[in-house]
PDB file of N, CA and C in Angstrom:
ATOM      1  N   UNK A   1      -9.736  88.355  23.526  1.00  0.00           N
ATOM      2  CA  UNK A   1     -10.371  87.066  23.491  1.00  0.00           C
ATOM      3  C   UNK A   1      -9.581  86.116  24.391  1.00  0.00           C
ATOM      4  N   UNK A   2     -10.274  85.433  25.272  1.00  0.00           N
ATOM      5  CA  UNK A   2      -9.617  84.484  26.167  1.00  0.00           C
ATOM      6  C   UNK A   2      -9.961  83.069  25.734  1.00  0.00           C
ATOM      7  N   UNK A   3      -8.999  82.219  25.854  1.00  0.00           N
ATOM      8  CA  UNK A   3      -9.186  80.819  25.500  1.00  0.00           C
ATOM      9  C   UNK A   3      -9.165  80.004  26.778  1.00  0.00           C
ATOM     10  N   UNK A   4     -10.169  79.213  26.954  1.00  0.00           N
ATOM     11  CA  UNK A   4     -10.268  78.372  28.146  1.00  0.00           C
ATOM     12  C   UNK A   4      -9.689  76.994  27.820  1.00  0.00           C
ATOM     13  N   UNK A   5      -8.718  76.576  28.595  1.00  0.00           N
ATOM     14  CA  UNK A   5      -8.110  75.260  28.393  1.00  0.00           C
ATOM     15  C   UNK A   5      -8.347  74.395  29.618  1.00  0.00           C
ATOM     16  N   UNK A   6      -8.465  73.149  29.379  1.00  0.00           N
ATOM     17  CA  UNK A   6      -8.611  72.212  30.495  1.00  0.00           C
ATOM     18  C   UNK A   6      -7.620  71.073  30.297  1.00  0.00           C
ATOM     19  N   UNK A   7      -7.176  70.557  31.417  1.00  0.00           N
ATOM     20  CA  UNK A   7      -6.193  69.476  31.389  1.00  0.00           C
ATOM     21  C   UNK A   7      -6.790  68.277  32.105  1.00  0.00           C
ATOM     22  N   UNK A   8      -6.739  67.138  31.459  1.00  0.00           N
ATOM     23  CA  UNK A   8      -7.271  65.910  32.029  1.00  0.00           C
ATOM     24  C   UNK A   8      -6.108  64.975  32.329  1.00  0.00           C
ATOM     25  N   UNK A   9      -6.110  64.440  33.554  1.00  0.00           N
ATOM     26  CA  UNK A   9      -5.078  63.500  33.958  1.00  0.00           C
ATOM     27  C   UNK A   9      -5.735  62.150  34.222  1.00  0.00           C
ATOM     28  N   UNK A  10      -5.235  61.142  33.594  1.00  0.00           N
ATOM     29  CA  UNK A  10      -5.743  59.781  33.799  1.00  0.00           C
ATOM     30  C   UNK A  10      -4.765  59.012  34.672  1.00  0.00           C
ATOM     31  N   UNK A  11      -5.301  58.353  35.673  1.00  0.00           N
ATOM     32  CA  UNK A  11      -4.484  57.506  36.536  1.00  0.00           C
ATOM     33  C   UNK A  11      -4.943  56.073  36.351  1.00  0.00           C
ATOM     34  N   UNK A  12      -4.016  55.225  35.975  1.00  0.00           N
ATOM     35  CA  UNK A  12      -4.354  53.823  35.791  1.00  0.00           C
ATOM     36  C   UNK A  12      -3.829  53.031  36.986  1.00  0.00           C
ATOM     37  N   UNK A  13      -4.687  52.195  37.516  1.00  0.00           N
ATOM     38  CA  UNK A  13      -4.346  51.379  38.671  1.00  0.00           C
ATOM     39  C   UNK A  13      -4.340  49.930  38.228  1.00  0.00           C
ATOM     40  N   UNK A  14      -3.288  49.220  38.569  1.00  0.00           N
ATOM     41  CA  UNK A  14      -3.213  47.793  38.273  1.00  0.00           C
ATOM     42  C   UNK A  14      -3.933  47.042  39.388  1.00  0.00           C
ATOM     43  N   UNK A  15      -5.149  46.628  39.113  1.00  0.00           N
ATOM     44  CA  UNK A  15      -5.998  46.000  40.126  1.00  0.00           C
ATOM     45  C   UNK A  15      -5.400  44.686  40.605  1.00  0.00           C
ATOM     46  N   UNK A  16      -4.817  43.922  39.716  1.00  0.00           N
ATOM     47  CA  UNK A  16      -4.208  42.643  40.106  1.00  0.00           C
ATOM     48  C   UNK A  16      -3.072  42.837  41.076  1.00  0.00           C
ATOM     49  N   UNK A  17      -2.247  43.853  40.836  1.00  0.00           N
ATOM     50  CA  UNK A  17      -1.118  44.132  41.734  1.00  0.00           C
ATOM     51  C   UNK A  17      -1.619  44.587  43.094  1.00  0.00           C
ATOM     52  N   UNK A  18      -2.598  45.487  43.103  1.00  0.00           N
ATOM     53  CA  UNK A  18      -3.130  45.983  44.376  1.00  0.00           C
ATOM     54  C   UNK A  18      -3.803  44.863  45.172  1.00  0.00           C
ATOM     55  N   UNK A  19      -4.513  43.984  44.484  1.00  0.00           N
ATOM     56  CA  UNK A  19      -5.181  42.871  45.161  1.00  0.00           C
ATOM     57  C   UNK A  19      -4.163  41.906  45.748  1.00  0.00           C
ATOM     58  N   UNK A  20      -3.127  41.597  44.989  1.00  0.00           N
ATOM     59  CA  UNK A  20      -2.118  40.668  45.502  1.00  0.00           C
ATOM     60  C   UNK A  20      -1.324  41.291  46.641  1.00  0.00           C
ATOM     61  N   UNK A  21      -1.105  42.595  46.594  1.00  0.00           N
ATOM     62  CA  UNK A  21      -0.406  43.281  47.685  1.00  0.00           C
ATOM     63  C   UNK A  21      -1.243  43.225  48.962  1.00  0.00           C
ATOM     64  N   UNK A  22      -2.548  43.429  48.825  1.00  0.00           N
ATOM     65  CA  UNK A  22      -3.441  43.344  49.980  1.00  0.00           C
ATOM     66  C   UNK A  22      -3.483  41.917  50.527  1.00  0.00           C
ATOM     67  N   UNK A  23      -3.598  40.924  49.634  1.00  0.00           N
ATOM     68  CA  UNK A  23      -3.653  39.529  50.071  1.00  0.00           C
ATOM     69  C   UNK A  23      -2.357  39.124  50.766  1.00  0.00           C
ATOM     70  N   UNK A  24      -1.219  39.615  50.266  1.00  0.00           N
ATOM     71  CA  UNK A  24       0.065  39.312  50.902  1.00  0.00           C
ATOM     72  C   UNK A  24       0.117  39.919  52.306  1.00  0.00           C
ATOM     73  N   UNK A  25      -0.383  41.120  52.451  1.00  0.00           N
ATOM     74  CA  UNK A  25      -0.410  41.761  53.769  1.00  0.00           C
ATOM     75  C   UNK A  25      -1.290  40.999  54.751  1.00  0.00           C
ATOM     76  N   UNK A  26      -2.452  40.567  54.284  1.00  0.00           N
ATOM     77  CA  UNK A  26      -3.356  39.793  55.149  1.00  0.00           C
ATOM     78  C   UNK A  26      -2.713  38.466  55.524  1.00  0.00           C
ATOM     79  N   UNK A  27      -2.091  37.801  54.556  1.00  0.00           N
ATOM     80  CA  UNK A  27      -1.434  36.524  54.837  1.00  0.00           C
ATOM     81  C   UNK A  27      -0.300  36.657  55.827  1.00  0.00           C
ATOM     82  N   UNK A  28       0.494  37.703  55.682  1.00  0.00           N
ATOM     83  CA  UNK A  28       1.606  37.917  56.612  1.00  0.00           C
ATOM     84  C   UNK A  28       1.095  38.245  58.014  1.00  0.00           C
ATOM     85  N   UNK A  29       0.022  39.007  58.096  1.00  0.00           N
ATOM     86  CA  UNK A  29      -0.564  39.329  59.399  1.00  0.00           C
ATOM     87  C   UNK A  29      -1.094  38.073  60.075  1.00  0.00           C
ATOM     88  N   UNK A  30      -1.790  37.235  59.319  1.00  0.00           N
ATOM     89  CA  UNK A  30      -2.326  36.005  59.900  1.00  0.00           C
ATOM     90  C   UNK A  30      -1.206  35.053  60.327  1.00  0.00           C
ATOM     91  N   UNK A  31      -0.152  34.957  59.529  1.00  0.00           N
ATOM     92  CA  UNK A  31       0.981  34.097  59.892  1.00  0.00           C
ATOM     93  C   UNK A  31       1.645  34.595  61.167  1.00  0.00           C
ATOM     94  N   UNK A  32       1.746  35.904  61.324  1.00  0.00           N
ATOM     95  CA  UNK A  32       2.314  36.474  62.549  1.00  0.00           C
ATOM     96  C   UNK A  32       1.452  36.154  63.756  1.00  0.00           C
ATOM     97  N   UNK A  33       0.136  36.298  63.595  1.00  0.00           N
ATOM     98  CA  UNK A  33      -0.760  36.004  64.716  1.00  0.00           C
ATOM     99  C   UNK A  33      -0.717  34.526  65.101  1.00  0.00           C
ATOM    100  N   UNK A  34      -0.665  33.644  64.125  1.00  0.00           N
ATOM    101  CA  UNK A  34      -0.579  32.200  64.412  1.00  0.00           C
ATOM    102  C   UNK A  34       0.729  31.879  65.116  1.00  0.00           C
ATOM    103  N   UNK A  35       1.828  32.478  64.657  1.00  0.00           N
ATOM    104  CA  UNK A  35       3.121  32.257  65.298  1.00  0.00           C
ATOM    105  C   UNK A  35       3.152  32.747  66.735  1.00  0.00           C
ATOM    106  N   UNK A  36       2.570  33.917  66.961  1.00  0.00           N
ATOM    107  CA  UNK A  36       2.516  34.441  68.337  1.00  0.00           C
ATOM    108  C   UNK A  36       1.650  33.557  69.228  1.00  0.00           C
ATOM    109  N   UNK A  37       0.515  33.097  68.697  1.00  0.00           N
ATOM    110  CA  UNK A  37      -0.370  32.225  69.483  1.00  0.00           C
ATOM    111  C   UNK A  37       0.338  30.916  69.831  1.00  0.00           C
ATOM    112  N   UNK A  38       1.061  30.344  68.880  1.00  0.00           N
ATOM    113  CA  UNK A  38       1.806  29.115  69.145  1.00  0.00           C
ATOM    114  C   UNK A  38       2.883  29.314  70.184  1.00  0.00           C
ATOM    115  N   UNK A  39       3.554  30.462  70.134  1.00  0.00           N
ATOM    116  CA  UNK A  39       4.587  30.763  71.129  1.00  0.00           C
ATOM    117  C   UNK A  39       3.977  30.908  72.513  1.00  0.00           C
ATOM    118  N   UNK A  40       2.842  31.576  72.593  1.00  0.00           N
ATOM    119  CA  UNK A  40       2.168  31.734  73.886  1.00  0.00           C
ATOM    120  C   UNK A  40       1.748  30.381  74.439  1.00  0.00           C
ATOM    121  N   UNK A  41       1.228  29.507  73.585  1.00  0.00           N
ATOM    122  CA  UNK A  41       0.818  28.172  74.034  1.00  0.00           C
ATOM    123  C   UNK A  41       2.015  27.352  74.510  1.00  0.00           C
ATOM    124  N   UNK A  42       3.144  27.449  73.805  1.00  0.00           N
ATOM    125  CA  UNK A  42       4.342  26.720  74.199  1.00  0.00           C
ATOM    126  C   UNK A  42       4.877  27.216  75.540  1.00  0.00           C
ATOM    127  N   UNK A  43       4.908  28.522  75.722  1.00  0.00           N
ATOM    128  CA  UNK A  43       5.367  29.085  76.998  1.00  0.00           C
ATOM    129  C   UNK A  43       4.431  28.668  78.122  1.00  0.00           C
ATOM    130  N   UNK A  44       3.134  28.654  77.852  1.00  0.00           N
ATOM    131  CA  UNK A  44       2.172  28.236  78.862  1.00  0.00           C
ATOM    132  C   UNK A  44       2.395  26.777  79.259  1.00  0.00           C
ATOM    133  N   UNK A  45       2.670  25.924  78.295  1.00  0.00           N
ATOM    134  CA  UNK A  45       2.929  24.513  78.595  1.00  0.00           C
ATOM    135  C   UNK A  45       4.224  24.357  79.377  1.00  0.00           C
ATOM    136  N   UNK A  46       5.236  25.134  79.023  1.00  0.00           N
ATOM    137  CA  UNK A  46       6.506  25.059  79.758  1.00  0.00           C
ATOM    138  C   UNK A  46       6.333  25.504  81.203  1.00  0.00           C
ATOM    139  N   UNK A  47       5.583  26.546  81.422  1.00  0.00           N
ATOM    140  CA  UNK A  47       5.379  27.045  82.780  1.00  0.00           C
ATOM    141  C   UNK A  47       4.488  26.092  83.575  1.00  0.00           C
ATOM    142  N   UNK A  48       3.457  25.559  82.928  1.00  0.00           N
ATOM    143  CA  UNK A  48       2.501  24.706  83.638  1.00  0.00           C
ATOM    144  C   UNK A  48       3.042  23.329  83.974  1.00  0.00           C
ATOM    145  N   UNK A  49       3.717  22.673  83.045  1.00  0.00           N
ATOM    146  CA  UNK A  49       4.163  21.294  83.241  1.00  0.00           C
ATOM    147  C   UNK A  49       5.657  21.145  83.425  1.00  0.00           C
ATOM    148  N   UNK A  50       6.427  22.113  82.992  1.00  0.00           N
ATOM    149  CA  UNK A  50       7.874  22.007  83.054  1.00  0.00           C
ATOM    150  C   UNK A  50       8.424  21.408  81.775  1.00  0.00           C
ATOM    151  N   UNK A  51       9.675  21.679  81.487  1.00  0.00           N
ATOM    152  CA  UNK A  51      10.244  21.221  80.219  1.00  0.00           C
ATOM    153  C   UNK A  51      10.359  19.705  80.099  1.00  0.00           C
ATOM    154  N   UNK A  52      10.637  19.002  81.197  1.00  0.00           N
ATOM    155  CA  UNK A  52      10.792  17.547  81.131  1.00  0.00           C
ATOM    156  C   UNK A  52       9.454  16.886  80.805  1.00  0.00           C
ATOM    157  N   UNK A  53       8.411  17.284  81.497  1.00  0.00           N
ATOM    158  CA  UNK A  53       7.087  16.716  81.217  1.00  0.00           C
ATOM    159  C   UNK A  53       6.591  17.111  79.834  1.00  0.00           C
ATOM    160  N   UNK A  54       6.951  18.303  79.386  1.00  0.00           N
ATOM    161  CA  UNK A  54       6.545  18.744  78.056  1.00  0.00           C
ATOM    162  C   UNK A  54       7.145  17.841  76.978  1.00  0.00           C
ATOM    163  N   UNK A  55       8.430  17.542  77.090  1.00  0.00           N
ATOM    164  CA  UNK A  55       9.087  16.668  76.122  1.00  0.00           C
ATOM    165  C   UNK A  55       8.524  15.253  76.229  1.00  0.00           C
ATOM    166  N   UNK A  56       8.305  14.782  77.452  1.00  0.00           N
ATOM    167  CA  UNK A  56       7.755  13.435  77.665  1.00  0.00           C
ATOM    168  C   UNK A  56       6.367  13.318  77.049  1.00  0.00           C
ATOM    169  N   UNK A  57       5.518  14.308  77.283  1.00  0.00           N
ATOM    170  CA  UNK A  57       4.169  14.277  76.729  1.00  0.00           C
ATOM    171  C   UNK A  57       4.181  14.432  75.207  1.00  0.00           C
ATOM    172  N   UNK A  58       5.096  15.218  74.694  1.00  0.00           N
ATOM    173  CA  UNK A  58       5.215  15.394  73.241  1.00  0.00           C
ATOM    174  C   UNK A  58       5.602  14.072  72.569  1.00  0.00           C
ATOM    175  N   UNK A  59       6.612  13.411  73.120  1.00  0.00           N
ATOM    176  CA  UNK A  59       7.025  12.118  72.569  1.00  0.00           C
ATOM    177  C   UNK A  59       5.931  11.063  72.712  1.00  0.00           C
ATOM    178  N   UNK A  60       5.196  11.129  73.795  1.00  0.00           N
ATOM    179  CA  UNK A  60       4.089  10.204  73.997  1.00  0.00           C
ATOM    180  C   UNK A  60       2.997  10.450  72.956  1.00  0.00           C
ATOM    181  N   UNK A  61       2.738  11.693  72.627  1.00  0.00           N
ATOM    182  CA  UNK A  61       1.710  12.011  71.622  1.00  0.00           C
ATOM    183  C   UNK A  61       2.156  11.576  70.228  1.00  0.00           C
ATOM    184  N   UNK A  62       3.439  11.720  69.926  1.00  0.00           N
ATOM    185  CA  UNK A  62       3.941  11.332  68.616  1.00  0.00           C
ATOM    186  C   UNK A  62       3.977   9.809  68.474  1.00  0.00           C
ATOM    187  N   UNK A  63       4.495   9.131  69.495  1.00  0.00           N
ATOM    188  CA  UNK A  63       4.651   7.669  69.429  1.00  0.00           C
ATOM    189  C   UNK A  63       3.318   6.949  69.667  1.00  0.00           C
ATOM    190  N   UNK A  64       2.398   7.569  70.383  1.00  0.00           N
ATOM    191  CA  UNK A  64       1.097   6.962  70.624  1.00  0.00           C
ATOM    192  C   UNK A  64       1.036   6.031  71.804  1.00  0.00           C
ATOM    193  N   UNK A  65       1.945   6.148  72.733  1.00  0.00           N
ATOM    194  CA  UNK A  65       1.868   5.300  73.930  1.00  0.00           C
ATOM    195  C   UNK A  65       1.734   6.117  75.174  1.00  0.00           C
TER     196      UNK A  65
END
């Protein structure tokens, strides 16, 4: 006589943890892209206008004159 046995394995996933891990990854990726874009824009301004004009225009934009 043979006895048939079966084994069941349950895997529990913490949905809140997985969701927050995904959201953190997306947030970090977006922050990296924004930082890179800002760096590219700053380098472009430095090359196009020069550092002296860049500082002059920046101060003019802040002070409003």
